[in-house]
Protein backbone atom coordinates (compact mmCIF):
# COMPACT_ATOMS: atom_id res chain seq x y z
CA MET A 1 15.47 5.75 10.18
CA ASN A 2 12.91 3.01 10.73
CA ILE A 3 10.64 2.65 7.68
CA LEU A 4 7.78 0.15 7.85
CA PHE A 5 5.63 -1.13 4.99
CA LEU A 6 2.09 -2.16 5.89
CA GLY A 7 -0.47 -3.70 3.57
CA ASP A 8 -1.67 -6.79 1.71
CA SER A 9 -0.14 -9.16 -0.89
CA ILE A 10 1.23 -6.35 -3.02
CA THR A 11 3.37 -5.35 -0.05
CA ASP A 12 3.89 -8.89 1.30
CA TRP A 13 5.40 -10.43 -1.86
CA GLY A 14 7.14 -13.31 -0.08
CA ARG A 15 8.59 -11.38 2.85
CA SER A 16 9.85 -13.22 5.94
CA ARG A 17 7.78 -13.89 9.04
CA PRO A 18 7.55 -12.88 11.79
CA ASP A 19 10.37 -10.35 11.74
CA GLY A 20 9.76 -8.93 8.26
CA LYS A 21 13.44 -8.17 7.72
CA TYR A 22 13.57 -10.13 4.47
CA LEU A 23 11.57 -7.68 2.41
CA GLY A 24 10.34 -10.04 -0.31
CA GLU A 25 10.87 -9.53 -4.02
CA GLY A 26 8.42 -6.75 -4.76
CA TYR A 27 8.32 -2.98 -4.60
CA VAL A 28 9.41 -2.89 -0.94
CA LYS A 29 12.81 -4.39 -1.72
CA LEU A 30 13.27 -1.99 -4.64
CA VAL A 31 12.46 0.98 -2.41
CA ALA A 32 14.94 -0.16 0.24
CA ASP A 33 17.70 -0.81 -2.28
CA THR A 34 17.21 2.59 -3.91
CA LEU A 35 17.10 4.57 -0.68
CA ARG A 36 20.25 2.91 0.61
CA LYS A 37 21.99 3.70 -2.65
CA ASN A 38 20.76 7.30 -2.78
CA HIS A 39 21.42 8.08 0.88
CA PRO A 40 24.49 6.21 2.16
CA ASP A 41 24.72 8.70 5.03
CA ILE A 42 21.40 7.54 6.53
CA GLU A 43 21.13 4.33 8.57
CA PHE A 44 17.88 2.78 7.41
CA ASP A 45 15.98 -0.04 9.09
CA PHE A 46 13.30 -1.46 6.79
CA THR A 47 10.50 -3.79 7.88
CA ASN A 48 7.79 -5.39 5.74
CA THR A 49 4.62 -6.45 7.57
CA GLY A 50 2.36 -6.93 4.56
CA ILE A 51 0.01 -9.94 4.73
CA SER A 52 -1.56 -11.39 1.62
CA GLY A 53 -5.34 -11.19 1.64
CA ASP A 54 -5.61 -8.55 4.34
CA ARG A 55 -8.46 -6.08 4.42
CA THR A 56 -8.61 -2.87 6.42
CA GLY A 57 -10.22 -4.69 9.33
CA ASP A 58 -7.39 -7.22 9.41
CA VAL A 59 -4.81 -4.44 9.57
CA ILE A 60 -6.65 -2.87 12.51
CA ALA A 61 -6.52 -6.20 14.37
CA ARG A 62 -2.71 -6.39 14.08
CA LEU A 63 -1.76 -2.72 14.28
CA ASP A 64 -0.08 -2.98 17.68
CA VAL A 65 2.14 -5.98 16.90
CA ASP A 66 2.90 -5.24 13.26
CA ALA A 67 3.17 -1.47 13.35
CA ILE A 68 2.97 0.51 16.58
CA ASP A 69 5.16 -1.77 18.72
CA ARG A 70 7.90 -1.56 16.08
CA LYS A 71 8.16 2.19 16.60
CA PRO A 72 8.43 3.25 12.95
CA ASP A 73 9.53 6.72 11.96
CA LEU A 74 7.64 6.41 8.69
CA VAL A 75 4.94 4.02 7.49
CA VAL A 76 4.11 3.28 3.86
CA LEU A 77 0.49 2.08 3.78
CA MET A 78 -1.28 0.37 0.91
CA ILE A 79 -4.53 -1.37 1.76
CA GLY A 80 -8.03 -1.69 0.33
CA ILE A 81 -8.15 -3.92 -2.73
CA ASN A 82 -9.25 -6.96 -0.72
CA ASP A 83 -12.08 -4.95 0.84
CA VAL A 84 -13.28 -4.78 -2.77
CA TRP A 85 -12.29 -8.27 -3.99
CA ARG A 86 -13.96 -10.18 -1.14
CA ARG A 87 -17.32 -8.76 -2.17
CA TYR A 88 -17.06 -10.54 -5.50
CA ASP A 89 -15.43 -13.86 -4.61
CA ARG A 90 -16.84 -14.50 -1.10
CA ASP A 91 -19.77 -12.10 -0.78
CA GLN A 92 -17.99 -10.42 2.13
CA ARG A 93 -18.80 -6.75 1.72
CA THR A 94 -17.12 -3.75 3.28
CA SER A 95 -19.49 -0.83 2.91
CA ALA A 96 -18.14 2.57 1.99
CA LEU A 97 -18.99 3.82 5.51
CA GLN A 98 -17.18 0.92 7.19
CA PHE A 99 -14.20 1.31 4.89
CA GLU A 100 -13.97 5.01 5.72
CA ARG A 101 -14.11 4.23 9.45
CA ASN A 102 -11.50 1.47 9.17
CA TYR A 103 -9.13 3.60 7.15
CA GLY A 104 -9.47 6.45 9.60
CA THR A 105 -8.84 4.13 12.55
CA ILE A 106 -5.60 2.92 10.94
CA LEU A 107 -4.41 6.45 10.27
CA ASP A 108 -5.33 7.66 13.77
CA ALA A 109 -3.29 4.85 15.34
CA LEU A 110 -0.25 5.41 13.14
CA ILE A 111 -0.27 9.17 13.60
CA ASN A 112 -1.32 9.52 17.23
CA ARG A 113 0.12 6.38 18.79
CA ALA A 114 3.09 5.51 16.62
CA LYS A 115 3.85 9.20 15.94
CA ALA A 116 4.90 8.13 12.45
CA LYS A 117 5.06 10.05 9.22
CA LEU A 118 2.91 8.48 6.50
CA VAL A 119 3.00 7.82 2.79
CA LEU A 120 -0.31 6.46 1.49
CA MET A 121 -0.90 4.48 -1.68
CA GLU A 122 -4.35 3.85 -3.04
CA PRO A 123 -5.29 0.40 -4.38
CA PHE A 124 -5.46 0.06 -8.13
CA LEU A 125 -7.09 -2.12 -10.77
CA LEU A 126 -6.11 -2.56 -14.38
CA ASP A 127 -9.20 -3.45 -16.34
CA VAL A 128 -9.57 -7.19 -16.91
CA PRO A 129 -12.73 -9.08 -17.89
CA ASP A 130 -12.72 -11.40 -14.86
CA LYS A 131 -12.52 -8.56 -12.32
CA PRO A 132 -15.44 -6.17 -12.83
CA PHE A 133 -14.68 -4.48 -9.52
CA ARG A 134 -15.08 -0.83 -10.50
CA PRO A 135 -18.51 -0.27 -8.89
CA ASP A 136 -17.04 -1.14 -5.49
CA LEU A 137 -13.50 0.17 -5.95
CA ASP A 138 -14.18 3.65 -7.28
CA PRO A 139 -16.18 4.91 -4.26
CA LYS A 140 -13.41 3.67 -1.97
CA LEU A 141 -10.80 5.52 -4.03
CA VAL A 142 -12.85 8.69 -3.63
CA LEU A 143 -12.85 8.16 0.13
CA ILE A 144 -9.10 7.57 0.34
CA ARG A 145 -8.41 10.68 -1.71
CA ARG A 146 -10.75 12.75 0.43
CA ILE A 147 -9.21 11.46 3.67
CA ALA A 148 -5.66 12.11 2.45
CA LYS A 149 -6.56 15.64 1.37
CA LYS A 150 -8.34 16.44 4.63
CA ARG A 151 -5.42 15.14 6.71
CA ARG A 152 -2.81 16.64 4.37
CA LEU A 153 -1.08 13.31 3.88
CA PRO A 154 0.93 12.35 0.80
CA LEU A 155 -1.05 9.99 -1.41
CA ILE A 156 0.26 8.14 -4.43
CA ARG A 157 -2.75 7.83 -6.73
CA LEU A 158 -1.74 4.52 -8.26
CA ASP A 159 -5.03 3.76 -9.94
CA GLU A 160 -4.86 6.95 -11.93
CA LEU A 161 -1.11 6.70 -12.53
CA PHE A 162 -1.24 3.11 -13.79
CA SER A 163 -4.16 3.95 -16.06
CA GLU A 164 -2.23 6.78 -17.64
CA ALA A 165 1.01 4.80 -17.91
CA SER A 166 -0.72 1.81 -19.51
CA VAL A 167 -1.72 3.74 -22.63
CA GLY A 168 0.21 2.29 -25.55
CA LYS A 169 1.62 -0.56 -23.47
CA PRO A 170 0.88 -4.27 -23.99
CA SER A 171 -2.23 -5.48 -22.22
CA LEU A 172 -1.61 -5.87 -18.48
CA HIS A 173 2.04 -4.84 -18.80
CA TYR A 174 2.06 -3.63 -15.20
CA ALA A 175 -0.08 -6.38 -13.59
CA GLY A 176 -0.81 -9.73 -15.17
CA ASP A 177 -4.08 -10.26 -13.30
CA GLY A 178 -4.95 -6.59 -13.07
CA ILE A 179 -3.98 -6.37 -9.38
CA HIS A 180 -0.67 -8.05 -8.57
CA PRO A 181 2.20 -6.10 -10.13
CA SER A 182 4.61 -7.53 -12.66
CA PRO A 183 8.30 -6.66 -12.18
CA GLU A 184 7.62 -3.58 -14.29
CA GLY A 185 4.68 -2.73 -12.05
CA ALA A 186 6.75 -3.16 -8.92
CA ALA A 187 9.41 -0.84 -10.32
CA PHE A 188 6.72 1.69 -11.23
CA ILE A 189 5.40 1.69 -7.65
CA ALA A 190 8.85 1.78 -6.10
CA GLU A 191 9.93 4.82 -8.08
CA ARG A 192 6.99 6.81 -6.80
CA VAL A 193 7.35 5.61 -3.22
CA VAL A 194 11.02 6.61 -3.17
CA ALA A 195 10.13 10.07 -4.46
CA GLU A 196 7.59 10.60 -1.66
CA ILE A 197 9.86 9.25 1.08
CA GLU A 198 12.72 11.45 -0.05
CA LYS A 199 10.53 14.50 0.51
CA LEU A 200 10.25 13.47 4.16
CA LEU A 201 13.90 12.68 4.87
């Protein structure tokens, strides 16, 4: 079973280029290790094509090479936080309408051209003073949730899940800068990704 991980730095996490067979040291590696342990009867082939800094438009530009041409059986997609972040640090805005179009284009290609099953993860933000991104992020989360529901695709609502899990924890336990997961954050993501993938095996 060929499982491909597509996204930005949270997926990238030091993975090898260009083949993506070294999965990095983040949630992707944890997912692969766990699935191999849980399902020794399945021959898995894992590939990580995350690229740090990518926005939805960047993923569209590399969909053929980094996703479709690799013929995945299942794609785990997490993208969107940089569509938000670039508004604040570079004044490069992705409107809600453009984001919705981009996200839909990615899903159409993965479903109709790659014929892949999908597991979606929404971007998340733990509240930190230097990243007041909520006005831009929240509308995009609404769009992702609406798209996933309409297309009946599994969606891991990480923003909501991290918010709930952070109650009573030390500040930024799951992500030191509010965005990039700590080891505990990576394990939190991986556990939920494994659970969704196992439903599709």
